[in-house]
PDB file of N, CA and C in Angstrom:
ATOM      1  N   MET A   1       7.158 -27.554  25.290  1.00  0.00           N
ATOM      2  CA  MET A   1       6.004 -27.216  24.496  1.00  0.00           C
ATOM      3  C   MET A   1       5.531 -28.490  23.794  1.00  0.00           C
ATOM      4  N   ASN A   2       4.239 -28.774  23.895  1.00  0.00           N
ATOM      5  CA  ASN A   2       3.721 -29.989  23.258  1.00  0.00           C
ATOM      6  C   ASN A   2       3.399 -29.731  21.788  1.00  0.00           C
ATOM      7  N   ALA A   3       3.025 -30.787  21.076  1.00  0.00           N
ATOM      8  CA  ALA A   3       2.776 -30.703  19.626  1.00  0.00           C
ATOM      9  C   ALA A   3       1.601 -29.782  19.305  1.00  0.00           C
ATOM     10  N   LYS A   4       0.558 -29.821  20.122  1.00  0.00           N
ATOM     11  CA  LYS A   4      -0.622 -28.981  19.869  1.00  0.00           C
ATOM     12  C   LYS A   4      -0.266 -27.503  20.018  1.00  0.00           C
ATOM     13  N   SER A   5       0.505 -27.158  21.041  1.00  0.00           N
ATOM     14  CA  SER A   5       0.928 -25.773  21.241  1.00  0.00           C
ATOM     15  C   SER A   5       1.822 -25.314  20.100  1.00  0.00           C
ATOM     16  N   SER A   6       2.707 -26.184  19.647  1.00  0.00           N
ATOM     17  CA  SER A   6       3.595 -25.847  18.531  1.00  0.00           C
ATOM     18  C   SER A   6       2.802 -25.586  17.265  1.00  0.00           C
ATOM     19  N   MET A   7       1.767 -26.382  17.025  1.00  0.00           N
ATOM     20  CA  MET A   7       0.940 -26.210  15.833  1.00  0.00           C
ATOM     21  C   MET A   7       0.227 -24.859  15.877  1.00  0.00           C
ATOM     22  N   TRP A   8      -0.345 -24.485  17.027  1.00  0.00           N
ATOM     23  CA  TRP A   8      -1.042 -23.210  17.144  1.00  0.00           C
ATOM     24  C   TRP A   8      -0.083 -22.038  16.976  1.00  0.00           C
ATOM     25  N   LEU A   9       1.110 -22.167  17.500  1.00  0.00           N
ATOM     26  CA  LEU A   9       2.106 -21.116  17.335  1.00  0.00           C
ATOM     27  C   LEU A   9       2.474 -20.940  15.857  1.00  0.00           C
ATOM     28  N   LEU A  10       2.652 -22.047  15.156  1.00  0.00           N
ATOM     29  CA  LEU A  10       2.957 -22.001  13.729  1.00  0.00           C
ATOM     30  C   LEU A  10       1.817 -21.353  12.942  1.00  0.00           C
ATOM     31  N   ILE A  11       0.578 -21.708  13.237  1.00  0.00           N
ATOM     32  CA  ILE A  11      -0.589 -21.122  12.559  1.00  0.00           C
ATOM     33  C   ILE A  11      -0.653 -19.623  12.825  1.00  0.00           C
ATOM     34  N   LEU A  12      -0.417 -19.228  14.065  1.00  0.00           N
ATOM     35  CA  LEU A  12      -0.439 -17.813  14.418  1.00  0.00           C
ATOM     36  C   LEU A  12       0.637 -17.034  13.665  1.00  0.00           C
ATOM     37  N   LEU A  13       1.826 -17.564  13.596  1.00  0.00           N
ATOM     38  CA  LEU A  13       2.912 -16.898  12.883  1.00  0.00           C
ATOM     39  C   LEU A  13       2.640 -16.785  11.389  1.00  0.00           C
ATOM     40  N   LEU A  14       2.132 -17.858  10.783  1.00  0.00           N
ATOM     41  CA  LEU A  14       1.869 -17.847   9.350  1.00  0.00           C
ATOM     42  C   LEU A  14       0.688 -16.958   8.983  1.00  0.00           C
ATOM     43  N   SER A  15      -0.290 -16.814   9.875  1.00  0.00           N
ATOM     44  CA  SER A  15      -1.453 -15.982   9.564  1.00  0.00           C
ATOM     45  C   SER A  15      -1.076 -14.518   9.437  1.00  0.00           C
ATOM     46  N   GLY A  16      -0.039 -14.066  10.107  1.00  0.00           N
ATOM     47  CA  GLY A  16       0.401 -12.683   9.999  1.00  0.00           C
ATOM     48  C   GLY A  16       1.458 -12.461   8.944  1.00  0.00           C
ATOM     49  N   TYR A  17       1.868 -13.509   8.258  1.00  0.00           N
ATOM     50  CA  TYR A  17       2.954 -13.428   7.286  1.00  0.00           C
ATOM     51  C   TYR A  17       2.658 -12.485   6.127  1.00  0.00           C
ATOM     52  N   GLY A  18       1.444 -12.477   5.589  1.00  0.00           N
ATOM     53  CA  GLY A  18       1.110 -11.680   4.411  1.00  0.00           C
ATOM     54  C   GLY A  18       0.694 -10.263   4.704  1.00  0.00           C
ATOM     55  N   VAL A  19       0.780  -9.809   5.944  1.00  0.00           N
ATOM     56  CA  VAL A  19       0.313  -8.483   6.298  1.00  0.00           C
ATOM     57  C   VAL A  19       1.055  -7.389   5.547  1.00  0.00           C
ATOM     58  N   ALA A  20       2.346  -7.532   5.328  1.00  0.00           N
ATOM     59  CA  ALA A  20       3.128  -6.490   4.678  1.00  0.00           C
ATOM     60  C   ALA A  20       2.723  -6.287   3.220  1.00  0.00           C
ATOM     61  N   ASP A  21       2.093  -7.260   2.595  1.00  0.00           N
ATOM     62  CA  ASP A  21       1.697  -7.150   1.198  1.00  0.00           C
ATOM     63  C   ASP A  21       0.218  -6.849   1.026  1.00  0.00           C
ATOM     64  N   ALA A  22      -0.447  -6.427   2.065  1.00  0.00           N
ATOM     65  CA  ALA A  22      -1.881  -6.174   1.993  1.00  0.00           C
ATOM     66  C   ALA A  22      -2.168  -4.986   1.082  1.00  0.00           C
ATOM     67  N   CYS A  23      -3.320  -4.997   0.452  1.00  0.00           N
ATOM     68  CA  CYS A  23      -3.734  -3.897  -0.403  1.00  0.00           C
ATOM     69  C   CYS A  23      -4.909  -3.166   0.238  1.00  0.00           C
ATOM     70  N   ALA A  24      -4.963  -1.882   0.012  1.00  0.00           N
ATOM     71  CA  ALA A  24      -6.057  -1.064   0.504  1.00  0.00           C
ATOM     72  C   ALA A  24      -6.614  -0.296  -0.680  1.00  0.00           C
ATOM     73  N   ASP A  25      -7.821   0.215  -0.552  1.00  0.00           N
ATOM     74  CA  ASP A  25      -8.369   1.026  -1.638  1.00  0.00           C
ATOM     75  C   ASP A  25      -8.467   2.490  -1.232  1.00  0.00           C
ATOM     76  N   SER A  26      -8.013   2.808  -0.015  1.00  0.00           N
ATOM     77  CA  SER A  26      -7.992   4.196   0.427  1.00  0.00           C
ATOM     78  C   SER A  26      -6.879   4.400   1.446  1.00  0.00           C
ATOM     79  N   TYR A  27      -6.534   5.669   1.644  1.00  0.00           N
ATOM     80  CA  TYR A  27      -5.496   6.034   2.591  1.00  0.00           C
ATOM     81  C   TYR A  27      -5.901   7.347   3.250  1.00  0.00           C
ATOM     82  N   ARG A  28      -5.873   7.378   4.570  1.00  0.00           N
ATOM     83  CA  ARG A  28      -6.274   8.564   5.325  1.00  0.00           C
ATOM     84  C   ARG A  28      -5.051   9.414   5.659  1.00  0.00           C
ATOM     85  N   CYS A  29      -5.135  10.689   5.300  1.00  0.00           N
ATOM     86  CA  CYS A  29      -4.126  11.685   5.678  1.00  0.00           C
ATOM     87  C   CYS A  29      -4.844  12.717   6.537  1.00  0.00           C
ATOM     88  N   GLY A  30      -4.605  12.667   7.831  1.00  0.00           N
ATOM     89  CA  GLY A  30      -5.331  13.567   8.729  1.00  0.00           C
ATOM     90  C   GLY A  30      -6.807  13.219   8.711  1.00  0.00           C
ATOM     91  N   ARG A  31      -7.634  14.200   8.386  1.00  0.00           N
ATOM     92  CA  ARG A  31      -9.086  13.970   8.341  1.00  0.00           C
ATOM     93  C   ARG A  31      -9.603  13.666   6.940  1.00  0.00           C
ATOM     94  N   LYS A  32      -8.722  13.697   5.950  1.00  0.00           N
ATOM     95  CA  LYS A  32      -9.140  13.478   4.564  1.00  0.00           C
ATOM     96  C   LYS A  32      -8.646  12.141   4.060  1.00  0.00           C
ATOM     97  N   ILE A  33      -9.312  11.649   3.017  1.00  0.00           N
ATOM     98  CA  ILE A  33      -9.004  10.330   2.459  1.00  0.00           C
ATOM     99  C   ILE A  33      -8.742  10.460   0.966  1.00  0.00           C
ATOM    100  N   VAL A  34      -7.730   9.718   0.487  1.00  0.00           N
ATOM    101  CA  VAL A  34      -7.523   9.565  -0.954  1.00  0.00           C
ATOM    102  C   VAL A  34      -7.848   8.124  -1.311  1.00  0.00           C
ATOM    103  N   ARG A  35      -8.311   7.913  -2.548  1.00  0.00           N
ATOM    104  CA  ARG A  35      -8.755   6.584  -2.991  1.00  0.00           C
ATOM    105  C   ARG A  35      -8.162   6.258  -4.350  1.00  0.00           C
ATOM    106  N   ASP A  36      -8.234   4.966  -4.705  1.00  0.00           N
ATOM    107  CA  ASP A  36      -7.871   4.533  -6.052  1.00  0.00           C
ATOM    108  C   ASP A  36      -8.629   5.392  -7.059  1.00  0.00           C
ATOM    109  N   GLY A  37      -7.936   5.854  -8.086  1.00  0.00           N
ATOM    110  CA  GLY A  37      -8.575   6.650  -9.131  1.00  0.00           C
ATOM    111  C   GLY A  37      -8.456   8.149  -8.924  1.00  0.00           C
ATOM    112  N   ASP A  38      -8.117   8.589  -7.702  1.00  0.00           N
ATOM    113  CA  ASP A  38      -7.949  10.024  -7.460  1.00  0.00           C
ATOM    114  C   ASP A  38      -6.727  10.537  -8.224  1.00  0.00           C
ATOM    115  N   PRO A  39      -6.789  11.784  -8.703  1.00  0.00           N
ATOM    116  CA  PRO A  39      -5.629  12.349  -9.403  1.00  0.00           C
ATOM    117  C   PRO A  39      -4.487  12.648  -8.437  1.00  0.00           C
ATOM    118  N   VAL A  40      -3.271  12.713  -8.976  1.00  0.00           N
ATOM    119  CA  VAL A  40      -2.086  13.008  -8.183  1.00  0.00           C
ATOM    120  C   VAL A  40      -2.225  14.366  -7.504  1.00  0.00           C
ATOM    121  N   SER A  41      -2.876  15.317  -8.157  1.00  0.00           N
ATOM    122  CA  SER A  41      -3.043  16.647  -7.563  1.00  0.00           C
ATOM    123  C   SER A  41      -3.805  16.560  -6.234  1.00  0.00           C
ATOM    124  N   ARG A  42      -4.797  15.692  -6.148  1.00  0.00           N
ATOM    125  CA  ARG A  42      -5.542  15.522  -4.886  1.00  0.00           C
ATOM    126  C   ARG A  42      -4.638  14.867  -3.835  1.00  0.00           C
ATOM    127  N   LEU A  43      -3.878  13.854  -4.234  1.00  0.00           N
ATOM    128  CA  LEU A  43      -2.961  13.188  -3.307  1.00  0.00           C
ATOM    129  C   LEU A  43      -1.988  14.205  -2.717  1.00  0.00           C
ATOM    130  N   LEU A  44      -1.409  15.058  -3.550  1.00  0.00           N
ATOM    131  CA  LEU A  44      -0.465  16.070  -3.068  1.00  0.00           C
ATOM    132  C   LEU A  44      -1.151  17.090  -2.168  1.00  0.00           C
ATOM    133  N   ALA A  45      -2.380  17.497  -2.522  1.00  0.00           N
ATOM    134  CA  ALA A  45      -3.108  18.478  -1.716  1.00  0.00           C
ATOM    135  C   ALA A  45      -3.475  17.915  -0.342  1.00  0.00           C
ATOM    136  N   VAL A  46      -3.844  16.635  -0.292  1.00  0.00           N
ATOM    137  CA  VAL A  46      -4.302  16.019   0.953  1.00  0.00           C
ATOM    138  C   VAL A  46      -3.138  15.516   1.804  1.00  0.00           C
ATOM    139  N   CYS A  47      -2.164  14.855   1.186  1.00  0.00           N
ATOM    140  CA  CYS A  47      -1.089  14.190   1.936  1.00  0.00           C
ATOM    141  C   CYS A  47       0.260  14.885   1.845  1.00  0.00           C
ATOM    142  N   GLY A  48       0.418  15.805   0.909  1.00  0.00           N
ATOM    143  CA  GLY A  48       1.707  16.461   0.732  1.00  0.00           C
ATOM    144  C   GLY A  48       2.673  15.596  -0.057  1.00  0.00           C
ATOM    145  N   GLU A  49       3.922  16.020  -0.069  1.00  0.00           N
ATOM    146  CA  GLU A  49       4.965  15.280  -0.782  1.00  0.00           C
ATOM    147  C   GLU A  49       5.277  13.976  -0.046  1.00  0.00           C
ATOM    148  N   PRO A  50       5.538  12.903  -0.789  1.00  0.00           N
ATOM    149  CA  PRO A  50       5.922  11.639  -0.135  1.00  0.00           C
ATOM    150  C   PRO A  50       7.329  11.755   0.436  1.00  0.00           C
ATOM    151  N   ARG A  51       7.654  10.839   1.344  1.00  0.00           N
ATOM    152  CA  ARG A  51       9.008  10.854   1.914  1.00  0.00           C
ATOM    153  C   ARG A  51      10.021  10.273   0.945  1.00  0.00           C
ATOM    154  N   PHE A  52       9.523   9.472  -0.048  1.00  0.00           N
ATOM    155  CA  PHE A  52      10.418   8.829  -1.012  1.00  0.00           C
ATOM    156  C   PHE A  52       9.608   8.463  -2.251  1.00  0.00           C
ATOM    157  N   LYS A  53      10.253   8.491  -3.427  1.00  0.00           N
ATOM    158  CA  LYS A  53       9.621   8.071  -4.684  1.00  0.00           C
ATOM    159  C   LYS A  53      10.576   7.143  -5.421  1.00  0.00           C
ATOM    160  N   ASP A  54      10.015   6.157  -6.133  1.00  0.00           N
ATOM    161  CA  ASP A  54      10.790   5.356  -7.072  1.00  0.00           C
ATOM    162  C   ASP A  54       9.836   4.858  -8.155  1.00  0.00           C
ATOM    163  N   SER A  55      10.345   4.075  -9.082  1.00  0.00           N
ATOM    164  CA  SER A  55       9.484   3.518 -10.128  1.00  0.00           C
ATOM    165  C   SER A  55       9.868   2.064 -10.360  1.00  0.00           C
ATOM    166  N   ALA A  56       8.877   1.293 -10.827  1.00  0.00           N
ATOM    167  CA  ALA A  56       9.084  -0.137 -11.057  1.00  0.00           C
ATOM    168  C   ALA A  56       7.950  -0.659 -11.922  1.00  0.00           C
ATOM    169  N   SER A  57       8.094  -1.874 -12.396  1.00  0.00           N
ATOM    170  CA  SER A  57       7.009  -2.552 -13.103  1.00  0.00           C
ATOM    171  C   SER A  57       6.166  -3.295 -12.077  1.00  0.00           C
ATOM    172  N   GLU A  58       4.866  -3.088 -12.125  1.00  0.00           N
ATOM    173  CA  GLU A  58       3.932  -3.701 -11.171  1.00  0.00           C
ATOM    174  C   GLU A  58       2.713  -4.227 -11.923  1.00  0.00           C
ATOM    175  N   MET A  59       2.062  -5.214 -11.349  1.00  0.00           N
ATOM    176  CA  MET A  59       0.788  -5.714 -11.872  1.00  0.00           C
ATOM    177  C   MET A  59      -0.325  -4.837 -11.308  1.00  0.00           C
ATOM    178  N   ILE A  60      -1.039  -4.118 -12.191  1.00  0.00           N
ATOM    179  CA  ILE A  60      -2.156  -3.276 -11.756  1.00  0.00           C
ATOM    180  C   ILE A  60      -3.321  -3.471 -12.710  1.00  0.00           C
ATOM    181  N   ASP A  61      -4.493  -3.001 -12.310  1.00  0.00           N
ATOM    182  CA  ASP A  61      -5.670  -3.028 -13.176  1.00  0.00           C
ATOM    183  C   ASP A  61      -5.644  -1.809 -14.085  1.00  0.00           C
ATOM    184  N   VAL A  62      -5.652  -2.055 -15.393  1.00  0.00           N
ATOM    185  CA  VAL A  62      -5.683  -0.993 -16.394  1.00  0.00           C
ATOM    186  C   VAL A  62      -6.866  -1.279 -17.307  1.00  0.00           C
ATOM    187  N   ASP A  63      -7.852  -0.393 -17.298  1.00  0.00           N
ATOM    188  CA  ASP A  63      -9.051  -0.541 -18.128  1.00  0.00           C
ATOM    189  C   ASP A  63      -9.720  -1.898 -17.911  1.00  0.00           C
ATOM    190  N   GLY A  64      -9.775  -2.346 -16.661  1.00  0.00           N
ATOM    191  CA  GLY A  64     -10.458  -3.592 -16.332  1.00  0.00           C
ATOM    192  C   GLY A  64      -9.635  -4.859 -16.532  1.00  0.00           C
ATOM    193  N   PHE A  65      -8.392  -4.720 -16.961  1.00  0.00           N
ATOM    194  CA  PHE A  65      -7.530  -5.878 -17.175  1.00  0.00           C
ATOM    195  C   PHE A  65      -6.299  -5.776 -16.286  1.00  0.00           C
ATOM    196  N   ARG A  66      -5.856  -6.904 -15.764  1.00  0.00           N
ATOM    197  CA  ARG A  66      -4.641  -6.962 -14.951  1.00  0.00           C
ATOM    198  C   ARG A  66      -3.450  -6.938 -15.911  1.00  0.00           C
ATOM    199  N   LYS A  67      -2.538  -5.980 -15.706  1.00  0.00           N
ATOM    200  CA  LYS A  67      -1.450  -5.778 -16.654  1.00  0.00           C
ATOM    201  C   LYS A  67      -0.183  -5.374 -15.904  1.00  0.00           C
ATOM    202  N   LYS A  68       0.956  -5.875 -16.360  1.00  0.00           N
ATOM    203  CA  LYS A  68       2.239  -5.446 -15.797  1.00  0.00           C
ATOM    204  C   LYS A  68       2.671  -4.196 -16.549  1.00  0.00           C
ATOM    205  N   THR A  69       2.843  -3.110 -15.805  1.00  0.00           N
ATOM    206  CA  THR A  69       3.179  -1.844 -16.427  1.00  0.00           C
ATOM    207  C   THR A  69       4.076  -1.031 -15.491  1.00  0.00           C
ATOM    208  N   ARG A  70       4.724  -0.035 -16.033  1.00  0.00           N
ATOM    209  CA  ARG A  70       5.624   0.826 -15.256  1.00  0.00           C
ATOM    210  C   ARG A  70       4.797   1.826 -14.455  1.00  0.00           C
ATOM    211  N   VAL A  71       5.054   1.917 -13.165  1.00  0.00           N
ATOM    212  CA  VAL A  71       4.356   2.841 -12.284  1.00  0.00           C
ATOM    213  C   VAL A  71       5.364   3.565 -11.405  1.00  0.00           C
ATOM    214  N   GLN A  72       4.939   4.684 -10.855  1.00  0.00           N
ATOM    215  CA  GLN A  72       5.700   5.356  -9.809  1.00  0.00           C
ATOM    216  C   GLN A  72       5.183   4.837  -8.471  1.00  0.00           C
ATOM    217  N   ARG A  73       6.069   4.685  -7.505  1.00  0.00           N
ATOM    218  CA  ARG A  73       5.676   4.297  -6.149  1.00  0.00           C
ATOM    219  C   ARG A  73       6.040   5.448  -5.214  1.00  0.00           C
ATOM    220  N   TRP A  74       5.021   5.975  -4.537  1.00  0.00           N
ATOM    221  CA  TRP A  74       5.224   7.052  -3.580  1.00  0.00           C
ATOM    222  C   TRP A  74       5.026   6.475  -2.185  1.00  0.00           C
ATOM    223  N   TYR A  75       5.969   6.741  -1.293  1.00  0.00           N
ATOM    224  CA  TYR A  75       5.979   6.160   0.049  1.00  0.00           C
ATOM    225  C   TYR A  75       5.566   7.203   1.085  1.00  0.00           C
ATOM    226  N   TYR A  76       4.553   6.864   1.876  1.00  0.00           N
ATOM    227  CA  TYR A  76       4.070   7.734   2.940  1.00  0.00           C
ATOM    228  C   TYR A  76       4.075   6.979   4.271  1.00  0.00           C
ATOM    229  N   ARG A  77       4.491   7.663   5.313  1.00  0.00           N
ATOM    230  CA  ARG A  77       4.380   7.148   6.680  1.00  0.00           C
ATOM    231  C   ARG A  77       4.120   8.356   7.576  1.00  0.00           C
ATOM    232  N   GLN A  78       2.991   8.333   8.273  1.00  0.00           N
ATOM    233  CA  GLN A  78       2.607   9.494   9.064  1.00  0.00           C
ATOM    234  C   GLN A  78       3.370   9.602  10.376  1.00  0.00           C
ATOM    235  N   SER A  79       3.814   8.484  10.925  1.00  0.00           N
ATOM    236  CA  SER A  79       4.633   8.503  12.140  1.00  0.00           C
ATOM    237  C   SER A  79       5.333   7.152  12.264  1.00  0.00           C
ATOM    238  N   SER A  80       6.285   7.085  13.185  1.00  0.00           N
ATOM    239  CA  SER A  80       7.016   5.833  13.365  1.00  0.00           C
ATOM    240  C   SER A  80       6.126   4.734  13.938  1.00  0.00           C
ATOM    241  N   ARG A  81       4.981   5.093  14.483  1.00  0.00           N
ATOM    242  CA  ARG A  81       4.071   4.106  15.067  1.00  0.00           C
ATOM    243  C   ARG A  81       2.997   3.643  14.077  1.00  0.00           C
ATOM    244  N   ARG A  82       2.992   4.191  12.862  1.00  0.00           N
ATOM    245  CA  ARG A  82       1.995   3.842  11.846  1.00  0.00           C
ATOM    246  C   ARG A  82       2.647   3.010  10.745  1.00  0.00           C
ATOM    247  N   LEU A  83       1.830   2.256  10.029  1.00  0.00           N
ATOM    248  CA  LEU A  83       2.332   1.464   8.908  1.00  0.00           C
ATOM    249  C   LEU A  83       2.629   2.370   7.712  1.00  0.00           C
ATOM    250  N   GLU A  84       3.606   1.958   6.934  1.00  0.00           N
ATOM    251  CA  GLU A  84       3.927   2.675   5.709  1.00  0.00           C
ATOM    252  C   GLU A  84       2.893   2.333   4.645  1.00  0.00           C
ATOM    253  N   HIS A  85       2.559   3.312   3.805  1.00  0.00           N
ATOM    254  CA  HIS A  85       1.660   3.093   2.671  1.00  0.00           C
ATOM    255  C   HIS A  85       2.409   3.442   1.403  1.00  0.00           C
ATOM    256  N   ILE A  86       2.277   2.586   0.413  1.00  0.00           N
ATOM    257  CA  ILE A  86       2.905   2.805  -0.885  1.00  0.00           C
ATOM    258  C   ILE A  86       1.780   3.080  -1.874  1.00  0.00           C
ATOM    259  N   ILE A  87       1.805   4.257  -2.466  1.00  0.00           N
ATOM    260  CA  ILE A  87       0.789   4.670  -3.429  1.00  0.00           C
ATOM    261  C   ILE A  87       1.366   4.455  -4.825  1.00  0.00           C
ATOM    262  N   LEU A  88       0.704   3.615  -5.625  1.00  0.00           N
ATOM    263  CA  LEU A  88       1.141   3.365  -7.002  1.00  0.00           C
ATOM    264  C   LEU A  88       0.452   4.366  -7.924  1.00  0.00           C
ATOM    265  N   ILE A  89       1.244   5.072  -8.712  1.00  0.00           N
ATOM    266  CA  ILE A  89       0.752   6.116  -9.610  1.00  0.00           C
ATOM    267  C   ILE A  89       0.914   5.649 -11.049  1.00  0.00           C
ATOM    268  N   TYR A  90      -0.193   5.739 -11.822  1.00  0.00           N
ATOM    269  CA  TYR A  90      -0.158   5.396 -13.245  1.00  0.00           C
ATOM    270  C   TYR A  90      -1.012   6.417 -13.995  1.00  0.00           C
ATOM    271  N   ASN A  91      -0.456   7.018 -15.036  1.00  0.00           N
ATOM    272  CA  ASN A  91      -1.159   8.016 -15.849  1.00  0.00           C
ATOM    273  C   ASN A  91      -1.741   9.155 -15.022  1.00  0.00           C
ATOM    274  N   GLY A  92      -0.997   9.611 -14.016  1.00  0.00           N
ATOM    275  CA  GLY A  92      -1.419  10.765 -13.232  1.00  0.00           C
ATOM    276  C   GLY A  92      -2.500  10.486 -12.208  1.00  0.00           C
ATOM    277  N   LYS A  93      -2.804   9.209 -11.967  1.00  0.00           N
ATOM    278  CA  LYS A  93      -3.850   8.850 -11.002  1.00  0.00           C
ATOM    279  C   LYS A  93      -3.348   7.761 -10.056  1.00  0.00           C
ATOM    280  N   ILE A  94      -4.020   7.650  -8.920  1.00  0.00           N
ATOM    281  CA  ILE A  94      -3.708   6.569  -7.978  1.00  0.00           C
ATOM    282  C   ILE A  94      -4.229   5.269  -8.564  1.00  0.00           C
ATOM    283  N   ALA A  95      -3.324   4.332  -8.846  1.00  0.00           N
ATOM    284  CA  ALA A  95      -3.695   3.038  -9.424  1.00  0.00           C
ATOM    285  C   ALA A  95      -3.951   2.006  -8.334  1.00  0.00           C
ATOM    286  N   ALA A  96      -3.216   2.092  -7.231  1.00  0.00           N
ATOM    287  CA  ALA A  96      -3.366   1.133  -6.137  1.00  0.00           C
ATOM    288  C   ALA A  96      -2.714   1.707  -4.892  1.00  0.00           C
ATOM    289  N   ILE A  97      -3.139   1.201  -3.742  1.00  0.00           N
ATOM    290  CA  ILE A  97      -2.568   1.589  -2.456  1.00  0.00           C
ATOM    291  C   ILE A  97      -2.189   0.315  -1.727  1.00  0.00           C
ATOM    292  N   GLU A  98      -0.913   0.204  -1.372  1.00  0.00           N
ATOM    293  CA  GLU A  98      -0.431  -0.973  -0.665  1.00  0.00           C
ATOM    294  C   GLU A  98      -0.041  -0.591   0.758  1.00  0.00           C
ATOM    295  N   VAL A  99      -0.254  -1.503   1.673  1.00  0.00           N
ATOM    296  CA  VAL A  99       0.132  -1.301   3.064  1.00  0.00           C
ATOM    297  C   VAL A  99       1.432  -2.044   3.295  1.00  0.00           C
ATOM    298  N   GLY A 100       2.459  -1.304   3.708  1.00  0.00           N
ATOM    299  CA  GLY A 100       3.763  -1.905   3.954  1.00  0.00           C
ATOM    300  C   GLY A 100       3.980  -2.181   5.428  1.00  0.00           C
ATOM    301  N   GLY A 101       5.221  -2.335   5.800  1.00  0.00           N
ATOM    302  CA  GLY A 101       5.577  -2.622   7.182  1.00  0.00           C
ATOM    303  C   GLY A 101       5.848  -1.365   7.970  1.00  0.00           C
ATOM    304  N   ARG A 102       6.328  -1.556   9.188  1.00  0.00           N
ATOM    305  CA  ARG A 102       6.659  -0.423  10.066  1.00  0.00           C
ATOM    306  C   ARG A 102       8.020   0.030   9.719  1.00  0.00           C
TER     307      ARG A 102
END
């Protein structure tokens, strides 16, 4: 492999590196969608119970300011062929939606 091919391979590998930490503003469950700001009751009605829950301190937007605060993280994966989505819950609402790995 020559130097030019090695460089392109390195660029290709690094460009996909941040995919697991991507953020989304919506998540589709079947034909319905939940979005940032939706209440937990809508998330449960549309997507059902998560496969796993935990809590942690995360940086989220609270009243227009970025703040580190305690949130619940709900984990959803619709099938083994789909990416996992982590829904951050703060004050009974969806604060953020993160796209995880397979």
